[in-house]
N, C-alpha and C. Protein backbone atom coordinates (compact mmCIF):
# COMPACT_ATOMS: atom_id res chain seq x y z
N MET A 1 20.86 96.66 5.74
CA MET A 1 21.64 96.03 4.80
C MET A 1 19.62 95.24 4.33
N GLY A 2 19.11 95.35 3.29
CA GLY A 2 18.10 95.07 2.82
C GLY A 2 18.30 93.49 3.14
N PHE A 3 16.53 92.62 2.85
CA PHE A 3 17.29 91.09 2.95
C PHE A 3 17.44 91.18 1.92
N PHE A 4 17.46 91.08 0.57
CA PHE A 4 17.87 91.60 -1.00
C PHE A 4 19.50 91.42 -1.40
N ASP A 5 19.74 92.42 -0.14
CA ASP A 5 21.42 93.24 -0.53
C ASP A 5 22.06 91.59 0.07
N SER A 6 21.83 90.59 1.06
CA SER A 6 22.20 90.00 1.35
C SER A 6 22.52 88.54 0.66
N GLU A 7 24.27 88.49 0.11
CA GLU A 7 24.79 87.40 -0.37
C GLU A 7 24.17 86.33 -0.66
N ILE A 8 23.56 86.03 0.50
CA ILE A 8 23.28 84.38 1.09
C ILE A 8 22.19 84.12 0.44
N VAL A 9 21.63 84.94 0.81
CA VAL A 9 19.57 85.08 0.72
C VAL A 9 20.35 85.39 -1.61
N GLN A 10 20.31 85.92 -1.85
CA GLN A 10 20.99 86.22 -3.48
C GLN A 10 21.41 84.08 -4.59
N GLN A 11 21.87 84.24 -3.04
CA GLN A 11 22.87 82.40 -3.53
C GLN A 11 21.27 81.60 -3.28
N GLU A 12 21.20 81.19 -2.18
CA GLU A 12 19.96 80.39 -1.79
C GLU A 12 18.64 81.13 -3.07
N ALA A 13 18.06 81.80 -3.29
CA ALA A 13 17.08 82.34 -4.26
C ALA A 13 17.94 82.00 -5.43
N LYS A 14 18.95 82.06 -5.78
CA LYS A 14 18.96 81.37 -7.17
C LYS A 14 19.22 80.23 -7.77
N SER A 15 20.59 79.22 -6.09
CA SER A 15 20.23 78.12 -6.28
C SER A 15 19.28 77.53 -6.43
N LEU A 16 17.29 77.53 -5.55
CA LEU A 16 16.45 76.79 -5.60
C LEU A 16 16.03 77.48 -6.89
N PHE A 17 15.62 77.82 -7.34
CA PHE A 17 15.41 78.55 -8.78
C PHE A 17 15.74 77.32 -9.37
N GLU A 18 17.13 77.34 -9.81
CA GLU A 18 17.90 76.54 -10.66
C GLU A 18 17.51 75.13 -10.18
N ASP A 19 17.94 74.56 -9.00
CA ASP A 19 17.46 73.28 -8.48
C ASP A 19 16.14 72.66 -8.75
N TYR A 20 14.86 74.03 -8.57
CA TYR A 20 13.65 73.57 -8.73
C TYR A 20 13.22 73.84 -10.43
N GLN A 21 14.11 74.00 -11.21
CA GLN A 21 13.51 74.07 -12.57
C GLN A 21 14.23 72.99 -13.14
N ASN A 22 15.67 72.52 -12.32
CA ASN A 22 16.30 71.02 -13.35
C ASN A 22 15.49 70.06 -13.10
N LEU A 23 14.18 70.01 -11.70
CA LEU A 23 14.24 68.39 -11.18
C LEU A 23 12.72 68.90 -12.66
N VAL A 24 11.90 70.10 -12.29
CA VAL A 24 10.88 70.21 -13.05
C VAL A 24 11.00 69.62 -14.27
N GLN A 25 12.03 69.88 -15.16
CA GLN A 25 12.18 68.95 -16.20
C GLN A 25 12.70 68.14 -16.36
N LEU A 26 13.23 67.92 -15.68
CA LEU A 26 13.59 66.35 -15.56
C LEU A 26 12.43 64.95 -15.22
N GLY A 27 11.40 66.03 -14.30
CA GLY A 27 10.33 65.30 -14.03
C GLY A 27 9.59 65.28 -15.56
N GLY A 28 9.15 65.94 -16.08
CA GLY A 28 8.60 65.17 -17.22
C GLY A 28 9.01 63.81 -17.94
N ASP A 29 9.94 63.21 -17.49
CA ASP A 29 10.47 62.04 -18.36
C ASP A 29 10.60 60.88 -16.61
N PHE A 30 9.38 61.24 -15.52
CA PHE A 30 9.42 60.61 -14.47
C PHE A 30 8.66 59.61 -14.20
N GLY A 31 8.14 58.98 -15.65
CA GLY A 31 7.37 57.57 -16.07
C GLY A 31 8.34 56.36 -16.58
N LYS A 32 9.46 57.57 -16.96
CA LYS A 32 10.67 56.77 -17.76
C LYS A 32 12.08 55.59 -16.33
N PHE A 33 11.98 56.76 -15.63
CA PHE A 33 12.87 56.35 -14.59
C PHE A 33 12.15 55.22 -14.09
N ASP A 34 13.31 54.39 -13.59
CA ASP A 34 13.55 53.09 -12.53
C ASP A 34 12.95 53.41 -11.49
N ARG A 35 12.74 52.39 -10.50
CA ARG A 35 12.36 51.97 -9.28
C ARG A 35 13.00 53.40 -8.45
N GLU A 36 14.39 53.17 -8.15
CA GLU A 36 15.21 53.62 -7.53
C GLU A 36 15.33 55.61 -8.16
N GLY A 37 15.63 55.27 -9.64
CA GLY A 37 15.35 56.78 -9.97
C GLY A 37 14.02 57.97 -9.04
N LYS A 38 13.25 57.31 -9.80
CA LYS A 38 11.53 57.29 -9.27
C LYS A 38 11.77 57.63 -8.09
N LYS A 39 12.20 57.54 -6.52
CA LYS A 39 12.53 57.44 -5.61
C LYS A 39 13.65 58.79 -4.99
N MET A 40 14.90 58.62 -6.10
CA MET A 40 15.89 59.86 -5.77
C MET A 40 15.39 61.55 -6.80
N TYR A 41 14.44 60.88 -7.36
CA TYR A 41 14.02 62.56 -7.94
C TYR A 41 13.47 63.28 -7.01
N ILE A 42 11.91 62.06 -6.47
CA ILE A 42 10.69 62.48 -4.65
C ILE A 42 12.04 62.79 -4.26
N ASP A 43 13.07 62.06 -3.59
CA ASP A 43 13.40 62.81 -2.47
C ASP A 43 14.10 64.58 -2.74
N GLN A 44 14.86 64.24 -3.78
CA GLN A 44 15.36 65.19 -4.21
C GLN A 44 14.37 66.65 -4.34
N MET A 45 12.77 66.23 -4.53
CA MET A 45 11.88 66.98 -5.21
C MET A 45 11.53 67.64 -3.38
N GLU A 46 11.82 66.71 -2.38
CA GLU A 46 10.98 67.11 -1.44
C GLU A 46 12.08 68.00 -0.36
N SER A 47 13.49 67.60 -0.48
CA SER A 47 14.36 68.55 -0.25
C SER A 47 14.24 70.07 -1.21
N VAL A 48 14.15 70.02 -2.22
CA VAL A 48 13.65 71.67 -2.59
C VAL A 48 12.41 71.82 -1.72
N MET A 49 11.61 71.76 -1.56
CA MET A 49 10.69 71.91 -0.95
C MET A 49 10.36 72.41 0.52
N ASP A 50 10.90 72.07 1.02
CA ASP A 50 11.98 71.96 2.33
C ASP A 50 12.51 73.40 2.82
N ARG A 51 13.74 73.80 1.83
CA ARG A 51 14.21 74.15 1.43
C ARG A 51 13.67 75.77 1.93
N TYR A 52 12.50 75.30 -0.14
CA TYR A 52 11.84 76.60 0.25
C TYR A 52 10.69 76.80 0.96
N LYS A 53 10.71 76.24 1.41
CA LYS A 53 9.66 76.73 2.74
C LYS A 53 10.57 77.21 4.05
N ILE A 54 11.11 76.88 4.14
CA ILE A 54 12.38 78.22 5.09
C ILE A 54 12.70 78.95 4.62
N PHE A 55 13.04 78.79 2.99
CA PHE A 55 13.12 80.76 2.58
C PHE A 55 12.11 81.83 2.57
N MET A 56 11.18 80.71 2.66
CA MET A 56 9.75 81.80 2.52
C MET A 56 9.16 81.85 3.91
N LYS A 57 9.98 81.26 5.18
CA LYS A 57 9.18 81.69 7.12
C LYS A 57 10.44 82.91 6.75
N ARG A 58 11.61 82.16 6.15
CA ARG A 58 12.50 83.82 6.36
C ARG A 58 11.92 85.59 5.85
N PHE A 59 11.79 85.15 4.21
CA PHE A 59 10.56 86.58 3.82
C PHE A 59 9.52 86.97 5.04
N GLU A 60 8.96 85.89 5.06
CA GLU A 60 8.06 86.09 6.52
C GLU A 60 7.58 86.71 8.05
N LEU A 61 9.28 86.26 8.21
CA LEU A 61 9.68 87.00 9.82
C LEU A 61 10.81 88.30 9.08
N SER A 62 11.47 88.10 8.14
CA SER A 62 11.50 89.59 8.16
C SER A 62 11.24 90.76 8.04
N ASP A 63 11.77 91.66 8.62
CA ASP A 63 10.84 93.21 8.70
C ASP A 63 11.33 94.12 7.12
N ASP A 64 12.07 93.76 6.62
CA ASP A 64 12.68 93.95 5.69
C ASP A 64 11.44 94.23 4.69
N PHE A 65 11.55 95.52 4.40
CA PHE A 65 10.11 95.87 3.34
C PHE A 65 9.55 95.21 2.19
N MET A 66 11.08 95.18 1.47
CA MET A 66 10.82 94.22 0.27
C MET A 66 10.52 92.81 0.22
N ALA A 67 11.51 92.31 1.09
CA ALA A 67 10.64 90.60 1.84
C ALA A 67 8.71 90.71 2.10
N GLN A 68 8.81 91.50 2.30
CA GLN A 68 7.43 91.55 2.97
C GLN A 68 6.71 91.63 2.13
N MET A 69 6.72 92.51 1.11
CA MET A 69 6.29 92.86 -0.48
C MET A 69 6.39 91.40 -1.07
N ALA A 70 7.10 90.71 -1.24
CA ALA A 70 7.50 89.51 -1.49
C ALA A 70 6.32 88.35 -1.26
N VAL A 71 6.47 88.64 -0.37
CA VAL A 71 5.46 88.04 0.68
C VAL A 71 4.39 88.13 0.08
N GLU A 72 4.02 89.64 -0.09
CA GLU A 72 1.99 90.38 -0.98
C GLU A 72 1.81 89.39 -1.53
N GLN A 73 3.40 89.62 -2.80
CA GLN A 73 2.76 89.61 -4.13
C GLN A 73 2.78 87.70 -4.60
N LEU A 74 3.47 86.70 -3.84
CA LEU A 74 3.06 85.74 -3.72
C LEU A 74 1.71 85.15 -3.07
N LYS A 75 1.56 85.75 -2.42
CA LYS A 75 -0.07 85.39 -1.72
C LYS A 75 -0.97 85.85 -3.25
N THR A 76 -0.70 87.25 -3.42
CA THR A 76 -1.70 87.93 -4.84
C THR A 76 -1.28 86.69 -5.70
N GLN A 77 -0.40 86.29 -6.07
CA GLN A 77 0.01 85.26 -7.49
C GLN A 77 -0.78 84.56 -7.23
N LEU A 78 -0.58 83.57 -6.33
CA LEU A 78 -1.61 82.32 -5.49
C LEU A 78 -2.80 82.67 -5.84
N GLY A 79 -3.54 83.71 -4.65
CA GLY A 79 -5.21 84.44 -5.19
C GLY A 79 -5.60 84.22 -6.16
N GLN A 80 -5.03 84.63 -7.11
CA GLN A 80 -5.42 84.52 -8.85
C GLN A 80 -5.99 83.28 -8.86
N PHE A 81 -5.47 82.32 -7.90
CA PHE A 81 -5.61 80.70 -8.74
C PHE A 81 -6.32 80.27 -7.06
N GLY A 82 -7.57 81.17 -6.80
CA GLY A 82 -7.80 80.51 -5.31
C GLY A 82 -6.82 79.54 -4.33
N MET A 83 -5.87 79.83 -4.04
CA MET A 83 -5.14 79.00 -3.73
C MET A 83 -4.20 80.22 -2.05
N THR A 84 -3.69 79.65 -1.31
CA THR A 84 -3.11 80.67 -0.31
C THR A 84 -1.55 79.55 -0.49
N PRO A 85 -0.40 79.82 0.08
CA PRO A 85 1.22 79.48 -0.35
C PRO A 85 0.81 78.25 0.25
N GLN A 86 0.09 77.86 1.83
CA GLN A 86 -0.33 76.76 2.55
C GLN A 86 -1.11 75.84 1.77
N GLN A 87 -1.23 75.76 0.85
CA GLN A 87 -2.49 75.02 0.37
C GLN A 87 -1.19 74.80 -0.33
N MET A 88 -0.22 75.77 -1.66
CA MET A 88 0.34 75.73 -2.85
C MET A 88 1.49 74.23 -2.14
N PHE A 89 2.16 74.34 -0.73
CA PHE A 89 2.82 72.93 0.06
C PHE A 89 1.80 72.41 -0.43
N ASP A 90 1.10 72.10 0.62
CA ASP A 90 0.52 71.05 0.42
C ASP A 90 -0.44 70.34 -0.67
N GLN A 91 -0.54 70.75 -1.85
CA GLN A 91 -0.99 70.80 -2.84
C GLN A 91 0.26 69.72 -3.55
N MET A 92 1.31 70.40 -3.35
CA MET A 92 3.01 69.52 -4.00
C MET A 92 2.79 68.39 -3.05
N ASN A 93 3.23 68.38 -1.70
CA ASN A 93 3.12 67.41 -1.36
C ASN A 93 1.97 66.21 -1.57
N LEU A 94 0.92 66.69 -1.52
CA LEU A 94 0.09 65.50 -2.63
C LEU A 94 0.69 64.88 -3.80
N THR A 95 0.50 65.48 -4.18
CA THR A 95 1.63 65.24 -6.03
C THR A 95 2.35 64.16 -5.61
N LEU A 96 3.34 64.83 -4.29
CA LEU A 96 4.46 63.79 -4.12
C LEU A 96 4.21 62.71 -4.00
N GLU A 97 3.08 62.76 -2.98
CA GLU A 97 2.30 61.25 -2.25
C GLU A 97 1.96 60.51 -3.17
N ARG A 98 1.28 61.22 -4.37
CA ARG A 98 0.86 59.98 -5.94
C ARG A 98 1.64 59.29 -6.17
N MET A 99 3.36 60.04 -6.36
CA MET A 99 4.31 59.73 -7.13
C MET A 99 4.79 58.77 -6.60
N LYS A 100 4.52 58.89 -5.13
CA LYS A 100 5.67 57.62 -4.08
C LYS A 100 4.22 56.35 -4.06
N ALA A 101 3.11 56.90 -4.21
CA ALA A 101 2.28 54.84 -4.38
C ALA A 101 2.67 54.96 -5.26
N GLN A 102 3.28 55.57 -6.84
CA GLN A 102 2.96 54.73 -8.70
C GLN A 102 4.61 53.63 -7.23
N ILE A 103 5.09 53.22 -6.82
CA ILE A 103 6.52 53.06 -6.83
C ILE A 103 6.01 51.99 -5.74
N PRO A 104 6.43 51.02 -5.63
CA PRO A 104 6.32 50.08 -5.17
C PRO A 104 7.44 49.78 -4.03
N GLU A 105 7.07 49.49 -2.73
CA GLU A 105 7.28 49.42 -1.60
C GLU A 105 8.29 50.85 -0.82
N PHE A 106 8.32 51.78 -1.45
CA PHE A 106 8.50 52.89 -0.94
C PHE A 106 9.18 53.29 0.30
């Protein structure tokens, strides 16, 4: 069975995409959130980023051709912006750290 043929992989990909999209939409109002809302948002975004890292690591470790192609495609797309996947995650973490700094006593 191919990597993308797995129902578990398909469900996790769908869930990750939906969760991330919802958080990005919600993030537009981050400045309007109260302190607890901001903390919840950051915690949820960190959770999605952790899930995404694990998902990507599965791609990288798989010997499935399509999984390897997906990794290479991501590297190529990010490379167009002068970035590696690790730099992408680092940048996301930096953004979340900056958001945390805006919250007293986080």
